[in-house]
Amino acid sequence: MSGIKGRLREWPYAVLGLSLLWMTVRALEKMLSSYAKDFDQDPLKHNVYAYTAPSFGAMLHQIKNLYQPALDFALRRYLVFPTLGFDERAFRVPGSICYLLALGLVPALIYAFLRKQEHPSVVAVSGALLGAFWILENKLLLAYGVEGRHYMAAAFVSMIWFCCAFLFESKPHWAFFLSSLIFANTHLFSFPLIATAFGIHAVRCCWER
């Protein structure tokens, strides 16, 4: 009898695992079909700036008119292009990886948060599945995932940062600071969000004292 009860307690995790596997296959299918679409000029310019500059300083000079941090450009220049080459596939791969990582990370964070709030495993698994389904069916995130620029990376990092800053109330502090540092180096619009979170964090610390 106890064995049957143990198996019944495990069925939500089996559903979650099988659902995530199906969603991953479906996401790959969507991305690969999107790879066949024409490549726009703006993503091409983004990658050309990262690839053609003779030095890191020259790259910073080239991208200053884009008003964006240099992290994505640097990763493409020193990691992506030497590994995958300089073509449309290599342009799209970083965003596609971030899209797939988001498909796994978001349900994991939702599950962890709901379990931390002492909700039953069925509720936590249901919330995780809803989060994963939102990622899968979000057309904007899919477009970012295959576009060839830094927007999906910024979206992925912002999800991590939001969970560290608000869902987990900036604890542990090192995770909040590290995610804020990475977020600040992925998109210019992160600055006011980070400043707001640090302000809320400071007020919370003062209130607790």
C-alpha atoms as a PDB file:
ATOM      1  CA  MET A   1       0.000   0.000   0.000  1.00  0.00           C
ATOM      2  CA  SER A   2       2.781   2.426   0.894  1.00  0.00           C
ATOM      3  CA  GLY A   3       4.464   1.629  -2.443  1.00  0.00           C
ATOM      4  CA  ILE A   4       1.300   2.567  -4.332  1.00  0.00           C
ATOM      5  CA  LYS A   5       1.014   5.831  -2.420  1.00  0.00           C
ATOM      6  CA  GLY A   6       4.663   6.618  -3.191  1.00  0.00           C
ATOM      7  CA  ARG A   7       4.065   6.067  -6.907  1.00  0.00           C
ATOM      8  CA  LEU A   8       0.974   8.259  -6.820  1.00  0.00           C
ATOM      9  CA  ARG A   9       3.034  11.050  -5.271  1.00  0.00           C
ATOM     10  CA  GLU A  10       5.525  10.749  -8.123  1.00  0.00           C
ATOM     11  CA  TRP A  11       3.073  11.046 -11.021  1.00  0.00           C
ATOM     12  CA  PRO A  12       3.174  14.884 -11.199  1.00  0.00           C
ATOM     13  CA  TYR A  13       6.937  14.726 -11.775  1.00  0.00           C
ATOM     14  CA  ALA A  14       6.500  12.164 -14.539  1.00  0.00           C
ATOM     15  CA  VAL A  15       3.941  14.421 -16.207  1.00  0.00           C
ATOM     16  CA  LEU A  16       6.280  17.389 -15.851  1.00  0.00           C
ATOM     17  CA  GLY A  17       9.245  15.528 -17.321  1.00  0.00           C
ATOM     18  CA  LEU A  18       7.317  14.154 -20.295  1.00  0.00           C
ATOM     19  CA  SER A  19       5.680  17.531 -20.942  1.00  0.00           C
ATOM     20  CA  LEU A  20       9.016  19.353 -20.901  1.00  0.00           C
ATOM     21  CA  LEU A  21      10.473  16.765 -23.275  1.00  0.00           C
ATOM     22  CA  TRP A  22       7.589  17.279 -25.698  1.00  0.00           C
ATOM     23  CA  MET A  23       7.864  21.074 -25.384  1.00  0.00           C
ATOM     24  CA  THR A  24      11.598  20.940 -26.104  1.00  0.00           C
ATOM     25  CA  VAL A  25      10.997  18.937 -29.286  1.00  0.00           C
ATOM     26  CA  ARG A  26       8.236  21.337 -30.284  1.00  0.00           C
ATOM     27  CA  ALA A  27      10.473  24.355 -29.613  1.00  0.00           C
ATOM     28  CA  LEU A  28      13.257  22.888 -31.770  1.00  0.00           C
ATOM     29  CA  GLU A  29      10.759  22.285 -34.559  1.00  0.00           C
ATOM     30  CA  LYS A  30       9.577  25.901 -34.391  1.00  0.00           C
ATOM     31  CA  MET A  31      13.095  27.311 -34.335  1.00  0.00           C
ATOM     32  CA  LEU A  32      14.360  25.210 -37.218  1.00  0.00           C
ATOM     33  CA  SER A  33      11.404  26.223 -39.381  1.00  0.00           C
ATOM     34  CA  SER A  34      12.116  29.872 -38.519  1.00  0.00           C
ATOM     35  CA  TYR A  35      15.747  29.461 -39.597  1.00  0.00           C
ATOM     36  CA  ALA A  36      14.508  29.243 -43.196  1.00  0.00           C
ATOM     37  CA  LYS A  37      13.145  32.797 -43.093  1.00  0.00           C
ATOM     38  CA  ASP A  38      15.091  35.722 -44.532  1.00  0.00           C
ATOM     39  CA  PHE A  39      17.743  37.326 -42.335  1.00  0.00           C
ATOM     40  CA  ASP A  40      17.190  41.037 -41.640  1.00  0.00           C
ATOM     41  CA  GLN A  41      19.825  43.733 -42.031  1.00  0.00           C
ATOM     42  CA  ASP A  42      19.796  44.878 -38.387  1.00  0.00           C
ATOM     43  CA  PRO A  43      20.891  41.505 -36.963  1.00  0.00           C
ATOM     44  CA  LEU A  44      23.521  41.305 -39.706  1.00  0.00           C
ATOM     45  CA  LYS A  45      24.901  44.693 -38.687  1.00  0.00           C
ATOM     46  CA  HIS A  46      24.937  43.574 -35.042  1.00  0.00           C
ATOM     47  CA  ASN A  47      27.129  40.582 -35.874  1.00  0.00           C
ATOM     48  CA  VAL A  48      29.329  42.382 -38.370  1.00  0.00           C
ATOM     49  CA  TYR A  49      30.232  44.946 -35.708  1.00  0.00           C
ATOM     50  CA  ALA A  50      31.302  42.140 -33.377  1.00  0.00           C
ATOM     51  CA  TYR A  51      33.262  40.266 -36.054  1.00  0.00           C
ATOM     52  CA  THR A  52      35.059  42.872 -38.148  1.00  0.00           C
ATOM     53  CA  ALA A  53      36.553  45.146 -35.485  1.00  0.00           C
ATOM     54  CA  PRO A  54      40.347  44.668 -35.294  1.00  0.00           C
ATOM     55  CA  SER A  55      40.366  44.872 -31.484  1.00  0.00           C
ATOM     56  CA  PHE A  56      38.066  44.944 -28.478  1.00  0.00           C
ATOM     57  CA  GLY A  57      38.500  48.706 -28.166  1.00  0.00           C
ATOM     58  CA  ALA A  58      37.624  49.168 -31.824  1.00  0.00           C
ATOM     59  CA  MET A  59      34.531  47.025 -31.317  1.00  0.00           C
ATOM     60  CA  LEU A  60      33.434  49.237 -28.425  1.00  0.00           C
ATOM     61  CA  HIS A  61      33.875  52.246 -30.687  1.00  0.00           C
ATOM     62  CA  GLN A  62      31.807  50.656 -33.454  1.00  0.00           C
ATOM     63  CA  ILE A  63      28.891  49.706 -31.208  1.00  0.00           C
ATOM     64  CA  LYS A  64      28.648  52.961 -29.252  1.00  0.00           C
ATOM     65  CA  ASN A  65      25.939  54.279 -31.592  1.00  0.00           C
ATOM     66  CA  LEU A  66      23.806  51.212 -30.773  1.00  0.00           C
ATOM     67  CA  TYR A  67      23.659  52.258 -27.099  1.00  0.00           C
ATOM     68  CA  GLN A  68      23.946  48.686 -25.873  1.00  0.00           C
ATOM     69  CA  PRO A  69      26.370  46.979 -23.442  1.00  0.00           C
ATOM     70  CA  ALA A  70      29.208  44.983 -24.938  1.00  0.00           C
ATOM     71  CA  LEU A  71      28.665  41.564 -23.321  1.00  0.00           C
ATOM     72  CA  ASP A  72      26.759  39.942 -26.191  1.00  0.00           C
ATOM     73  CA  PHE A  73      29.116  41.430 -28.783  1.00  0.00           C
ATOM     74  CA  ALA A  74      32.140  40.158 -26.849  1.00  0.00           C
ATOM     75  CA  LEU A  75      30.694  36.648 -26.462  1.00  0.00           C
ATOM     76  CA  ARG A  76      29.981  36.475 -30.168  1.00  0.00           C
ATOM     77  CA  ARG A  77      33.417  37.802 -31.100  1.00  0.00           C
ATOM     78  CA  TYR A  78      35.504  35.612 -28.796  1.00  0.00           C
ATOM     79  CA  LEU A  79      33.356  32.493 -28.332  1.00  0.00           C
ATOM     80  CA  VAL A  80      30.593  32.027 -30.902  1.00  0.00           C
ATOM     81  CA  PHE A  81      32.347  32.967 -34.139  1.00  0.00           C
ATOM     82  CA  PRO A  82      35.624  31.124 -33.429  1.00  0.00           C
ATOM     83  CA  THR A  83      33.570  28.028 -32.571  1.00  0.00           C
ATOM     84  CA  LEU A  84      30.760  28.081 -35.145  1.00  0.00           C
ATOM     85  CA  GLY A  85      32.079  30.344 -37.891  1.00  0.00           C
ATOM     86  CA  PHE A  86      30.603  33.529 -39.315  1.00  0.00           C
ATOM     87  CA  ASP A  87      27.292  32.737 -40.998  1.00  0.00           C
ATOM     88  CA  GLU A  88      23.546  33.018 -40.410  1.00  0.00           C
ATOM     89  CA  ARG A  89      23.428  29.798 -38.402  1.00  0.00           C
ATOM     90  CA  ALA A  90      26.092  31.090 -36.018  1.00  0.00           C
ATOM     91  CA  PHE A  91      24.203  34.385 -35.702  1.00  0.00           C
ATOM     92  CA  ARG A  92      21.050  32.586 -34.575  1.00  0.00           C
ATOM     93  CA  VAL A  93      22.493  29.873 -32.318  1.00  0.00           C
ATOM     94  CA  PRO A  94      23.120  32.018 -29.161  1.00  0.00           C
ATOM     95  CA  GLY A  95      19.528  33.249 -29.076  1.00  0.00           C
ATOM     96  CA  SER A  96      18.205  29.752 -29.752  1.00  0.00           C
ATOM     97  CA  ILE A  97      20.241  28.341 -26.857  1.00  0.00           C
ATOM     98  CA  CYS A  98      18.868  31.046 -24.543  1.00  0.00           C
ATOM     99  CA  TYR A  99      15.322  30.235 -25.719  1.00  0.00           C
ATOM    100  CA  LEU A 100      15.762  26.544 -24.881  1.00  0.00           C
ATOM    101  CA  LEU A 101      17.395  27.377 -21.548  1.00  0.00           C
ATOM    102  CA  ALA A 102      14.448  29.634 -20.702  1.00  0.00           C
ATOM    103  CA  LEU A 103      12.096  26.763 -21.502  1.00  0.00           C
ATOM    104  CA  GLY A 104      13.806  24.726 -18.781  1.00  0.00           C
ATOM    105  CA  LEU A 105      14.727  27.463 -16.319  1.00  0.00           C
ATOM    106  CA  VAL A 106      11.366  29.212 -15.988  1.00  0.00           C
ATOM    107  CA  PRO A 107       9.434  26.096 -14.873  1.00  0.00           C
ATOM    108  CA  ALA A 108      12.300  25.190 -12.511  1.00  0.00           C
ATOM    109  CA  LEU A 109      12.189  28.618 -10.866  1.00  0.00           C
ATOM    110  CA  ILE A 110       8.402  28.581 -10.614  1.00  0.00           C
ATOM    111  CA  TYR A 111       8.481  25.113  -9.067  1.00  0.00           C
ATOM    112  CA  ALA A 112      11.167  26.141  -6.564  1.00  0.00           C
ATOM    113  CA  PHE A 113       9.268  29.272  -5.581  1.00  0.00           C
ATOM    114  CA  LEU A 114       5.941  27.479  -5.078  1.00  0.00           C
ATOM    115  CA  ARG A 115       7.549  24.721  -3.050  1.00  0.00           C
ATOM    116  CA  LYS A 116       9.324  27.341  -0.952  1.00  0.00           C
ATOM    117  CA  GLN A 117       5.869  28.753  -0.197  1.00  0.00           C
ATOM    118  CA  GLU A 118       4.895  25.229   0.945  1.00  0.00           C
ATOM    119  CA  HIS A 119       2.379  24.602  -1.827  1.00  0.00           C
ATOM    120  CA  PRO A 120       1.654  20.937  -2.681  1.00  0.00           C
ATOM    121  CA  SER A 121       3.766  19.330  -5.381  1.00  0.00           C
ATOM    122  CA  VAL A 122       0.754  19.169  -7.716  1.00  0.00           C
ATOM    123  CA  VAL A 123       0.345  22.958  -7.516  1.00  0.00           C
ATOM    124  CA  ALA A 124       4.082  23.519  -8.021  1.00  0.00           C
ATOM    125  CA  VAL A 125       4.200  21.199 -11.029  1.00  0.00           C
ATOM    126  CA  SER A 126       1.094  22.838 -12.512  1.00  0.00           C
ATOM    127  CA  GLY A 127       2.678  26.263 -12.158  1.00  0.00           C
ATOM    128  CA  ALA A 128       5.890  24.998 -13.754  1.00  0.00           C
ATOM    129  CA  LEU A 129       3.969  23.588 -16.710  1.00  0.00           C
ATOM    130  CA  LEU A 130       2.113  26.866 -17.225  1.00  0.00           C
ATOM    131  CA  GLY A 131       5.429  28.741 -17.213  1.00  0.00           C
ATOM    132  CA  ALA A 132       6.956  26.372 -19.754  1.00  0.00           C
ATOM    133  CA  PHE A 133       3.867  26.575 -21.972  1.00  0.00           C
ATOM    134  CA  TRP A 134       4.040  30.389 -21.851  1.00  0.00           C
ATOM    135  CA  ILE A 135       7.635  30.265 -23.100  1.00  0.00           C
ATOM    136  CA  LEU A 136       6.757  27.780 -25.835  1.00  0.00           C
ATOM    137  CA  GLU A 137       3.790  29.734 -27.186  1.00  0.00           C
ATOM    138  CA  ASN A 138       5.288  33.219 -26.818  1.00  0.00           C
ATOM    139  CA  LYS A 139       5.799  34.346 -30.417  1.00  0.00           C
ATOM    140  CA  LEU A 140       7.942  37.305 -29.411  1.00  0.00           C
ATOM    141  CA  LEU A 141      10.409  35.121 -27.504  1.00  0.00           C
ATOM    142  CA  LEU A 142      10.561  32.706 -30.424  1.00  0.00           C
ATOM    143  CA  ALA A 143      11.324  35.600 -32.776  1.00  0.00           C
ATOM    144  CA  TYR A 144      14.070  36.782 -30.432  1.00  0.00           C
ATOM    145  CA  GLY A 145      15.423  33.237 -30.260  1.00  0.00           C
ATOM    146  CA  VAL A 146      16.085  33.072 -34.006  1.00  0.00           C
ATOM    147  CA  GLU A 147      16.678  36.729 -34.832  1.00  0.00           C
ATOM    148  CA  GLY A 148      20.442  36.783 -34.383  1.00  0.00           C
ATOM    149  CA  ARG A 149      20.834  39.600 -31.865  1.00  0.00           C
ATOM    150  CA  HIS A 150      21.043  39.927 -28.093  1.00  0.00           C
ATOM    151  CA  TYR A 151      17.357  40.309 -27.250  1.00  0.00           C
ATOM    152  CA  MET A 152      16.707  36.682 -26.283  1.00  0.00           C
ATOM    153  CA  ALA A 153      19.831  36.686 -24.109  1.00  0.00           C
ATOM    154  CA  ALA A 154      18.566  39.849 -22.411  1.00  0.00           C
ATOM    155  CA  ALA A 155      15.127  38.280 -21.927  1.00  0.00           C
ATOM    156  CA  PHE A 156      16.641  35.095 -20.484  1.00  0.00           C
ATOM    157  CA  VAL A 157      18.880  36.977 -18.061  1.00  0.00           C
ATOM    158  CA  SER A 158      15.980  39.229 -17.061  1.00  0.00           C
ATOM    159  CA  MET A 159      13.957  36.166 -16.043  1.00  0.00           C
ATOM    160  CA  ILE A 160      16.758  35.001 -13.758  1.00  0.00           C
ATOM    161  CA  TRP A 161      17.235  38.507 -12.384  1.00  0.00           C
ATOM    162  CA  PHE A 162      13.519  39.006 -11.680  1.00  0.00           C
ATOM    163  CA  CYS A 163      13.341  35.749  -9.729  1.00  0.00           C
ATOM    164  CA  CYS A 164      16.454  36.629  -7.712  1.00  0.00           C
ATOM    165  CA  ALA A 165      15.277  40.189  -7.033  1.00  0.00           C
ATOM    166  CA  PHE A 166      11.611  39.664  -6.251  1.00  0.00           C
ATOM    167  CA  LEU A 167      10.417  36.061  -6.047  1.00  0.00           C
ATOM    168  CA  PHE A 168      13.291  35.106  -3.751  1.00  0.00           C
ATOM    169  CA  GLU A 169      13.539  38.579  -2.150  1.00  0.00           C
ATOM    170  CA  SER A 170      17.182  39.187  -3.141  1.00  0.00           C
ATOM    171  CA  LYS A 171      18.350  36.118  -1.233  1.00  0.00           C
ATOM    172  CA  PRO A 172      21.002  34.849  -1.340  1.00  0.00           C
ATOM    173  CA  HIS A 173      22.543  38.280  -1.794  1.00  0.00           C
ATOM    174  CA  TRP A 174      25.389  37.051  -3.988  1.00  0.00           C
ATOM    175  CA  ALA A 175      22.918  35.627  -6.540  1.00  0.00           C
ATOM    176  CA  PHE A 176      21.040  38.929  -6.635  1.00  0.00           C
ATOM    177  CA  PHE A 177      24.231  40.959  -7.136  1.00  0.00           C
ATOM    178  CA  LEU A 178      25.654  38.575  -9.744  1.00  0.00           C
ATOM    179  CA  SER A 179      22.418  38.456 -11.749  1.00  0.00           C
ATOM    180  CA  SER A 180      22.185  42.258 -11.561  1.00  0.00           C
ATOM    181  CA  LEU A 181      25.738  42.600 -12.887  1.00  0.00           C
ATOM    182  CA  ILE A 182      25.056  40.275 -15.820  1.00  0.00           C
ATOM    183  CA  PHE A 183      21.675  41.882 -16.520  1.00  0.00           C
ATOM    184  CA  ALA A 184      23.269  45.352 -16.603  1.00  0.00           C
ATOM    185  CA  ASN A 185      25.653  44.104 -19.289  1.00  0.00           C
ATOM    186  CA  THR A 186      22.981  42.673 -21.569  1.00  0.00           C
ATOM    187  CA  HIS A 187      20.615  45.589 -22.206  1.00  0.00           C
ATOM    188  CA  LEU A 188      20.552  49.328 -21.604  1.00  0.00           C
ATOM    189  CA  PHE A 189      16.970  49.296 -20.313  1.00  0.00           C
ATOM    190  CA  SER A 190      18.012  47.084 -17.411  1.00  0.00           C
ATOM    191  CA  PHE A 191      19.514  50.045 -15.544  1.00  0.00           C
ATOM    192  CA  PRO A 192      16.274  51.585 -14.182  1.00  0.00           C
ATOM    193  CA  LEU A 193      14.959  48.136 -13.250  1.00  0.00           C
ATOM    194  CA  ILE A 194      18.120  47.288 -11.342  1.00  0.00           C
ATOM    195  CA  ALA A 195      18.136  50.679  -9.609  1.00  0.00           C
ATOM    196  CA  THR A 196      14.515  50.144  -8.524  1.00  0.00           C
ATOM    197  CA  ALA A 197      15.284  46.665  -7.187  1.00  0.00           C
ATOM    198  CA  PHE A 198      18.294  47.908  -5.232  1.00  0.00           C
ATOM    199  CA  GLY A 199      16.134  50.683  -3.780  1.00  0.00           C
ATOM    200  CA  ILE A 200      13.495  48.185  -2.672  1.00  0.00           C
ATOM    201  CA  HIS A 201      16.234  45.952  -1.292  1.00  0.00           C
ATOM    202  CA  ALA A 202      17.732  48.840   0.710  1.00  0.00           C
ATOM    203  CA  VAL A 203      14.328  49.788   2.140  1.00  0.00           C
ATOM    204  CA  ARG A 204      13.666  46.166   3.096  1.00  0.00           C
ATOM    205  CA  CYS A 205      17.024  45.891   4.883  1.00  0.00           C
ATOM    206  CA  CYS A 206      16.392  49.102   6.814  1.00  0.00           C
ATOM    207  CA  TRP A 207      12.894  47.964   7.744  1.00  0.00           C
ATOM    208  CA  GLU A 208      14.149  44.607   9.007  1.00  0.00           C
ATOM    209  CA  ARG A 209      16.651  46.354  11.272  1.00  0.00           C
END
